[in-house]
Amino acid sequence: DKPMVLTTKVEEEVGFKNYSLKKVDLAK
């Protein structure tokens, strides 16, 4: 029930983490 949000906007991390889609290790 936890979302991975695909977006163009970087926001301040509060309860979530930002990752670059290009470099992300999805399994991790």
PDB file of all heavy atoms in Angstrom:
ATOM      1  N   ASP A   1       0.814  -1.215   0.000  1.00  0.00           N
ATOM      2  CA  ASP A   1       0.000   0.000   0.000  1.00  0.00           C
ATOM      3  C   ASP A   1       0.849   1.267   0.000  1.00  0.00           C
ATOM      4  O   ASP A   1       0.326   2.364   0.192  1.00  0.00           O
ATOM      5  CB  ASP A   1      -0.958   0.004   1.201  1.00  0.00           C
ATOM      6  CG  ASP A   1      -2.174  -0.878   0.955  1.00  0.00           C
ATOM      7  OD1 ASP A   1      -2.437  -1.201  -0.219  1.00  0.00           O
ATOM      8  OD2 ASP A   1      -2.848  -1.242   1.924  1.00  0.00           O
ATOM      9  N   LYS A   2       2.147   1.110  -0.194  1.00  0.00           N
ATOM     10  CA  LYS A   2       3.032   2.281  -0.217  1.00  0.00           C
ATOM     11  C   LYS A   2       3.327   2.686  -1.659  1.00  0.00           C
ATOM     12  O   LYS A   2       3.708   1.850  -2.472  1.00  0.00           O
ATOM     13  CB  LYS A   2       4.333   1.967   0.517  1.00  0.00           C
ATOM     14  CG  LYS A   2       4.136   1.720   2.011  1.00  0.00           C
ATOM     15  CD  LYS A   2       5.458   1.438   2.674  1.00  0.00           C
ATOM     16  CE  LYS A   2       5.315   1.239   4.164  1.00  0.00           C
ATOM     17  NZ  LYS A   2       6.625   1.010   4.806  1.00  0.00           N
ATOM     18  N   PRO A   3       3.166   3.976  -1.962  1.00  0.00           N
ATOM     19  CA  PRO A   3       3.367   4.406  -3.353  1.00  0.00           C
ATOM     20  C   PRO A   3       4.808   4.773  -3.696  1.00  0.00           C
ATOM     21  O   PRO A   3       5.537   5.325  -2.879  1.00  0.00           O
ATOM     22  CB  PRO A   3       2.472   5.645  -3.458  1.00  0.00           C
ATOM     23  CG  PRO A   3       2.482   6.214  -2.077  1.00  0.00           C
ATOM     24  CD  PRO A   3       2.597   5.032  -1.140  1.00  0.00           C
ATOM     25  N   MET A   4       5.162   4.431  -4.925  1.00  0.00           N
ATOM     26  CA  MET A   4       6.335   4.996  -5.573  1.00  0.00           C
ATOM     27  C   MET A   4       5.739   6.030  -6.525  1.00  0.00           C
ATOM     28  O   MET A   4       4.965   5.676  -7.409  1.00  0.00           O
ATOM     29  CB  MET A   4       7.075   3.943  -6.404  1.00  0.00           C
ATOM     30  CG  MET A   4       7.781   2.898  -5.611  1.00  0.00           C
ATOM     31  SD  MET A   4       8.598   1.781  -6.782  1.00  0.00           S
ATOM     32  CE  MET A   4      10.063   1.427  -5.865  1.00  0.00           C
ATOM     33  N   VAL A   5       6.048   7.267  -6.306  1.00  0.00           N
ATOM     34  CA  VAL A   5       5.486   8.343  -7.114  1.00  0.00           C
ATOM     35  C   VAL A   5       6.487   8.705  -8.205  1.00  0.00           C
ATOM     36  O   VAL A   5       7.638   9.034  -7.912  1.00  0.00           O
ATOM     37  CB  VAL A   5       5.162   9.571  -6.239  1.00  0.00           C
ATOM     38  CG1 VAL A   5       4.593  10.706  -7.076  1.00  0.00           C
ATOM     39  CG2 VAL A   5       4.199   9.189  -5.114  1.00  0.00           C
ATOM     40  N   LEU A   6       6.048   8.605  -9.455  1.00  0.00           N
ATOM     41  CA  LEU A   6       6.898   8.991 -10.578  1.00  0.00           C
ATOM     42  C   LEU A   6       6.581  10.450 -10.885  1.00  0.00           C
ATOM     43  O   LEU A   6       5.434  10.787 -11.192  1.00  0.00           O
ATOM     44  CB  LEU A   6       6.610   8.132 -11.806  1.00  0.00           C
ATOM     45  CG  LEU A   6       6.567   6.618 -11.621  1.00  0.00           C
ATOM     46  CD1 LEU A   6       6.329   5.926 -12.956  1.00  0.00           C
ATOM     47  CD2 LEU A   6       7.838   6.108 -10.994  1.00  0.00           C
ATOM     48  N   THR A   7       7.584  11.309 -10.787  1.00  0.00           N
ATOM     49  CA  THR A   7       7.326  12.743 -10.910  1.00  0.00           C
ATOM     50  C   THR A   7       8.542  13.491 -11.458  1.00  0.00           C
ATOM     51  O   THR A   7       9.645  12.941 -11.510  1.00  0.00           O
ATOM     52  CB  THR A   7       6.908  13.328  -9.534  1.00  0.00           C
ATOM     53  OG1 THR A   7       6.608  14.704  -9.674  1.00  0.00           O
ATOM     54  CG2 THR A   7       7.994  13.140  -8.485  1.00  0.00           C
ATOM     55  N   THR A   8       8.319  14.742 -11.839  1.00  0.00           N
ATOM     56  CA  THR A   8       9.414  15.603 -12.305  1.00  0.00           C
ATOM     57  C   THR A   8       9.862  16.549 -11.194  1.00  0.00           C
ATOM     58  O   THR A   8      10.854  17.239 -11.333  1.00  0.00           O
ATOM     59  CB  THR A   8       8.959  16.458 -13.511  1.00  0.00           C
ATOM     60  OG1 THR A   8       7.812  17.211 -13.126  1.00  0.00           O
ATOM     61  CG2 THR A   8       8.646  15.587 -14.717  1.00  0.00           C
ATOM     62  N   LYS A   9       9.122  16.600 -10.095  1.00  0.00           N
ATOM     63  CA  LYS A   9       9.394  17.565  -9.021  1.00  0.00           C
ATOM     64  C   LYS A   9      10.131  16.943  -7.843  1.00  0.00           C
ATOM     65  O   LYS A   9       9.701  15.945  -7.302  1.00  0.00           O
ATOM     66  CB  LYS A   9       8.081  18.160  -8.516  1.00  0.00           C
ATOM     67  CG  LYS A   9       7.347  18.979  -9.554  1.00  0.00           C
ATOM     68  CD  LYS A   9       6.100  19.594  -8.950  1.00  0.00           C
ATOM     69  CE  LYS A   9       5.376  20.415  -9.992  1.00  0.00           C
ATOM     70  NZ  LYS A   9       4.212  19.756 -10.523  1.00  0.00           N
ATOM     71  N   VAL A  10      11.219  17.600  -7.457  1.00  0.00           N
ATOM     72  CA  VAL A  10      11.939  17.214  -6.245  1.00  0.00           C
ATOM     73  C   VAL A  10      11.327  18.016  -5.104  1.00  0.00           C
ATOM     74  O   VAL A  10      11.200  19.231  -5.206  1.00  0.00           O
ATOM     75  CB  VAL A  10      13.450  17.535  -6.357  1.00  0.00           C
ATOM     76  CG1 VAL A  10      14.168  17.178  -5.069  1.00  0.00           C
ATOM     77  CG2 VAL A  10      14.063  16.788  -7.536  1.00  0.00           C
ATOM     78  N   GLU A  11      10.901  17.324  -4.053  1.00  0.00           N
ATOM     79  CA  GLU A  11      10.341  18.010  -2.893  1.00  0.00           C
ATOM     80  C   GLU A  11      11.135  17.653  -1.651  1.00  0.00           C
ATOM     81  O   GLU A  11      11.855  16.657  -1.628  1.00  0.00           O
ATOM     82  CB  GLU A  11       8.869  17.623  -2.710  1.00  0.00           C
ATOM     83  CG  GLU A  11       7.977  18.150  -3.821  1.00  0.00           C
ATOM     84  CD  GLU A  11       6.513  17.837  -3.590  1.00  0.00           C
ATOM     85  OE1 GLU A  11       6.118  17.520  -2.450  1.00  0.00           O
ATOM     86  OE2 GLU A  11       5.758  17.927  -4.575  1.00  0.00           O
ATOM     87  N   GLU A  12      10.976  18.490  -0.624  1.00  0.00           N
ATOM     88  CA  GLU A  12      11.666  18.234   0.642  1.00  0.00           C
ATOM     89  C   GLU A  12      11.191  16.894   1.195  1.00  0.00           C
ATOM     90  O   GLU A  12       9.988  16.607   1.218  1.00  0.00           O
ATOM     91  CB  GLU A  12      11.351  19.359   1.636  1.00  0.00           C
ATOM     92  CG  GLU A  12      12.143  19.231   2.922  1.00  0.00           C
ATOM     93  CD  GLU A  12      11.799  20.317   3.932  1.00  0.00           C
ATOM     94  OE1 GLU A  12      11.241  21.358   3.531  1.00  0.00           O
ATOM     95  OE2 GLU A  12      12.083  20.099   5.116  1.00  0.00           O
ATOM     96  N   GLU A  13      12.134  16.080   1.638  1.00  0.00           N
ATOM     97  CA  GLU A  13      11.822  14.727   2.098  1.00  0.00           C
ATOM     98  C   GLU A  13      11.221  14.729   3.502  1.00  0.00           C
ATOM     99  O   GLU A  13      11.921  14.940   4.478  1.00  0.00           O
ATOM    100  CB  GLU A  13      13.083  13.859   2.069  1.00  0.00           C
ATOM    101  CG  GLU A  13      13.627  13.661   0.672  1.00  0.00           C
ATOM    102  CD  GLU A  13      14.902  12.836   0.640  1.00  0.00           C
ATOM    103  OE1 GLU A  13      15.529  12.612   1.696  1.00  0.00           O
ATOM    104  OE2 GLU A  13      15.275  12.401  -0.465  1.00  0.00           O
ATOM    105  N   VAL A  14       9.913  14.512   3.569  1.00  0.00           N
ATOM    106  CA  VAL A  14       9.217  14.398   4.851  1.00  0.00           C
ATOM    107  C   VAL A  14       8.385  13.120   4.776  1.00  0.00           C
ATOM    108  O   VAL A  14       7.353  13.077   4.139  1.00  0.00           O
ATOM    109  CB  VAL A  14       8.304  15.627   5.115  1.00  0.00           C
ATOM    110  CG1 VAL A  14       7.572  15.463   6.440  1.00  0.00           C
ATOM    111  CG2 VAL A  14       9.101  16.913   5.087  1.00  0.00           C
ATOM    112  N   GLY A  15       8.880  12.037   5.376  1.00  0.00           N
ATOM    113  CA  GLY A  15       8.174  10.750   5.341  1.00  0.00           C
ATOM    114  C   GLY A  15       8.383   9.985   4.045  1.00  0.00           C
ATOM    115  O   GLY A  15       7.808   8.930   3.852  1.00  0.00           O
ATOM    116  N   PHE A  16       9.166  10.541   3.130  1.00  0.00           N
ATOM    117  CA  PHE A  16       9.466   9.859   1.872  1.00  0.00           C
ATOM    118  C   PHE A  16      10.897  10.175   1.463  1.00  0.00           C
ATOM    119  O   PHE A  16      11.539  11.049   2.039  1.00  0.00           O
ATOM    120  CB  PHE A  16       8.475  10.260   0.760  1.00  0.00           C
ATOM    121  CG  PHE A  16       8.562  11.703   0.344  1.00  0.00           C
ATOM    122  CD1 PHE A  16       9.475  12.113  -0.617  1.00  0.00           C
ATOM    123  CD2 PHE A  16       7.740  12.646   0.911  1.00  0.00           C
ATOM    124  CE1 PHE A  16       9.566  13.443  -1.001  1.00  0.00           C
ATOM    125  CE2 PHE A  16       7.822  13.984   0.548  1.00  0.00           C
ATOM    126  CZ  PHE A  16       8.737  14.380  -0.414  1.00  0.00           C
ATOM    127  N   LYS A  17      11.397   9.458   0.470  1.00  0.00           N
ATOM    128  CA  LYS A  17      12.749   9.694  -0.070  1.00  0.00           C
ATOM    129  C   LYS A  17      12.648   9.986  -1.559  1.00  0.00           C
ATOM    130  O   LYS A  17      11.818   9.419  -2.246  1.00  0.00           O
ATOM    131  CB  LYS A  17      13.647   8.470   0.124  1.00  0.00           C
ATOM    132  CG  LYS A  17      14.005   8.109   1.542  1.00  0.00           C
ATOM    133  CD  LYS A  17      15.105   8.922   2.154  1.00  0.00           C
ATOM    134  CE  LYS A  17      16.443   8.718   1.498  1.00  0.00           C
ATOM    135  NZ  LYS A  17      17.423   9.734   1.872  1.00  0.00           N
ATOM    136  N   ASN A  18      13.520  10.878  -2.031  1.00  0.00           N
ATOM    137  CA  ASN A  18      13.645  11.169  -3.460  1.00  0.00           C
ATOM    138  C   ASN A  18      14.774  10.329  -4.048  1.00  0.00           C
ATOM    139  O   ASN A  18      15.822  10.179  -3.420  1.00  0.00           O
ATOM    140  CB  ASN A  18      14.003  12.645  -3.684  1.00  0.00           C
ATOM    141  CG  ASN A  18      12.853  13.579  -3.388  1.00  0.00           C
ATOM    142  OD1 ASN A  18      11.755  13.384  -3.866  1.00  0.00           O
ATOM    143  ND2 ASN A  18      13.104  14.601  -2.589  1.00  0.00           N
ATOM    144  N   TYR A  19      14.562   9.796  -5.238  1.00  0.00           N
ATOM    145  CA  TYR A  19      15.605   9.064  -5.970  1.00  0.00           C
ATOM    146  C   TYR A  19      15.561   9.487  -7.429  1.00  0.00           C
ATOM    147  O   TYR A  19      14.488   9.756  -7.968  1.00  0.00           O
ATOM    148  CB  TYR A  19      15.371   7.544  -5.914  1.00  0.00           C
ATOM    149  CG  TYR A  19      15.492   6.934  -4.541  1.00  0.00           C
ATOM    150  CD1 TYR A  19      14.363   6.758  -3.752  1.00  0.00           C
ATOM    151  CD2 TYR A  19      16.720   6.514  -4.039  1.00  0.00           C
ATOM    152  CE1 TYR A  19      14.457   6.191  -2.487  1.00  0.00           C
ATOM    153  CE2 TYR A  19      16.823   5.945  -2.787  1.00  0.00           C
ATOM    154  CZ  TYR A  19      15.688   5.792  -2.020  1.00  0.00           C
ATOM    155  OH  TYR A  19      15.775   5.225  -0.775  1.00  0.00           O
ATOM    156  N   SER A  20      16.709   9.480  -8.055  1.00  0.00           N
ATOM    157  CA  SER A  20      16.769   9.715  -9.494  1.00  0.00           C
ATOM    158  C   SER A  20      16.305   8.438 -10.194  1.00  0.00           C
ATOM    159  O   SER A  20      16.834   7.357  -9.925  1.00  0.00           O
ATOM    160  CB  SER A  20      18.203  10.045  -9.910  1.00  0.00           C
ATOM    161  OG  SER A  20      18.352   9.854 -11.299  1.00  0.00           O
ATOM    162  N   LEU A  21      15.335   8.551 -11.086  1.00  0.00           N
ATOM    163  CA  LEU A  21      14.817   7.384 -11.803  1.00  0.00           C
ATOM    164  C   LEU A  21      15.924   6.717 -12.618  1.00  0.00           C
ATOM    165  O   LEU A  21      15.982   5.495 -12.712  1.00  0.00           O
ATOM    166  CB  LEU A  21      13.645   7.796 -12.703  1.00  0.00           C
ATOM    167  CG  LEU A  21      12.970   6.692 -13.511  1.00  0.00           C
ATOM    168  CD1 LEU A  21      12.473   5.563 -12.622  1.00  0.00           C
ATOM    169  CD2 LEU A  21      11.821   7.256 -14.333  1.00  0.00           C
ATOM    170  N   LYS A  22      16.811   7.528 -13.168  1.00  0.00           N
ATOM    171  CA  LYS A  22      17.898   7.002 -13.995  1.00  0.00           C
ATOM    172  C   LYS A  22      18.845   6.096 -13.209  1.00  0.00           C
ATOM    173  O   LYS A  22      19.290   5.070 -13.693  1.00  0.00           O
ATOM    174  CB  LYS A  22      18.712   8.181 -14.545  1.00  0.00           C
ATOM    175  CG  LYS A  22      18.913   8.152 -16.032  1.00  0.00           C
ATOM    176  CD  LYS A  22      19.701   9.375 -16.457  1.00  0.00           C
ATOM    177  CE  LYS A  22      19.120   9.952 -17.719  1.00  0.00           C
ATOM    178  NZ  LYS A  22      19.744  11.172 -18.143  1.00  0.00           N
ATOM    179  N   LYS A  23      19.147   6.484 -11.955  1.00  0.00           N
ATOM    180  CA  LYS A  23      20.190   5.796 -11.173  1.00  0.00           C
ATOM    181  C   LYS A  23      19.659   4.857 -10.091  1.00  0.00           C
ATOM    182  O   LYS A  23      20.439   4.193  -9.426  1.00  0.00           O
ATOM    183  CB  LYS A  23      21.100   6.840 -10.511  1.00  0.00           C
ATOM    184  CG  LYS A  23      21.810   7.734 -11.495  1.00  0.00           C
ATOM    185  CD  LYS A  23      22.567   8.828 -10.770  1.00  0.00           C
ATOM    186  CE  LYS A  23      23.136   9.827 -11.771  1.00  0.00           C
ATOM    187  NZ  LYS A  23      23.520  11.067 -11.139  1.00  0.00           N
ATOM    188  N   VAL A  24      18.363   4.805  -9.897  1.00  0.00           N
ATOM    189  CA  VAL A  24      17.790   4.070  -8.765  1.00  0.00           C
ATOM    190  C   VAL A  24      18.025   2.557  -8.869  1.00  0.00           C
ATOM    191  O   VAL A  24      17.937   1.978  -9.943  1.00  0.00           O
ATOM    192  CB  VAL A  24      16.278   4.382  -8.610  1.00  0.00           C
ATOM    193  CG1 VAL A  24      15.464   3.743  -9.731  1.00  0.00           C
ATOM    194  CG2 VAL A  24      15.769   3.933  -7.262  1.00  0.00           C
ATOM    195  N   ASP A  25      18.345   1.957  -7.722  1.00  0.00           N
ATOM    196  CA  ASP A  25      18.383   0.495  -7.596  1.00  0.00           C
ATOM    197  C   ASP A  25      17.000   0.101  -7.080  1.00  0.00           C
ATOM    198  O   ASP A  25      16.728   0.168  -5.880  1.00  0.00           O
ATOM    199  CB  ASP A  25      19.485   0.075  -6.609  1.00  0.00           C
ATOM    200  CG  ASP A  25      19.546  -1.425  -6.392  1.00  0.00           C
ATOM    201  OD1 ASP A  25      18.553  -2.139  -6.686  1.00  0.00           O
ATOM    202  OD2 ASP A  25      20.584  -1.902  -5.897  1.00  0.00           O
ATOM    203  N   LEU A  26      16.116  -0.261  -8.007  1.00  0.00           N
ATOM    204  CA  LEU A  26      14.713  -0.485  -7.677  1.00  0.00           C
ATOM    205  C   LEU A  26      14.511  -1.583  -6.627  1.00  0.00           C
ATOM    206  O   LEU A  26      13.714  -1.422  -5.712  1.00  0.00           O
ATOM    207  CB  LEU A  26      13.939  -0.807  -8.949  1.00  0.00           C
ATOM    208  CG  LEU A  26      12.533  -0.258  -9.066  1.00  0.00           C
ATOM    209  CD1 LEU A  26      12.406   1.170  -8.614  1.00  0.00           C
ATOM    210  CD2 LEU A  26      12.006  -0.427 -10.460  1.00  0.00           C
ATOM    211  N   ALA A  27      15.246  -2.679  -6.746  1.00  0.00           N
ATOM    212  CA  ALA A  27      15.096  -3.785  -5.785  1.00  0.00           C
ATOM    213  C   ALA A  27      15.427  -3.304  -4.368  1.00  0.00           C
ATOM    214  O   ALA A  27      14.731  -3.647  -3.410  1.00  0.00           O
ATOM    215  CB  ALA A  27      15.984  -4.956  -6.180  1.00  0.00           C
ATOM    216  N   LYS A  28      16.462  -2.496  -4.251  1.00  0.00           N
ATOM    217  CA  LYS A  28      16.877  -1.963  -2.946  1.00  0.00           C
ATOM    218  C   LYS A  28      15.787  -1.045  -2.371  1.00  0.00           C
ATOM    219  O   LYS A  28      15.455  -1.115  -1.187  1.00  0.00           O
ATOM    220  CB  LYS A  28      18.180  -1.181  -3.143  1.00  0.00           C
ATOM    221  CG  LYS A  28      19.009  -0.975  -1.920  1.00  0.00           C
ATOM    222  CD  LYS A  28      20.314  -0.321  -2.362  1.00  0.00           C
ATOM    223  CE  LYS A  28      21.307  -0.235  -1.251  1.00  0.00           C
ATOM    224  NZ  LYS A  28      22.564   0.354  -1.703  1.00  0.00           N
TER     225      LYS A  28
END
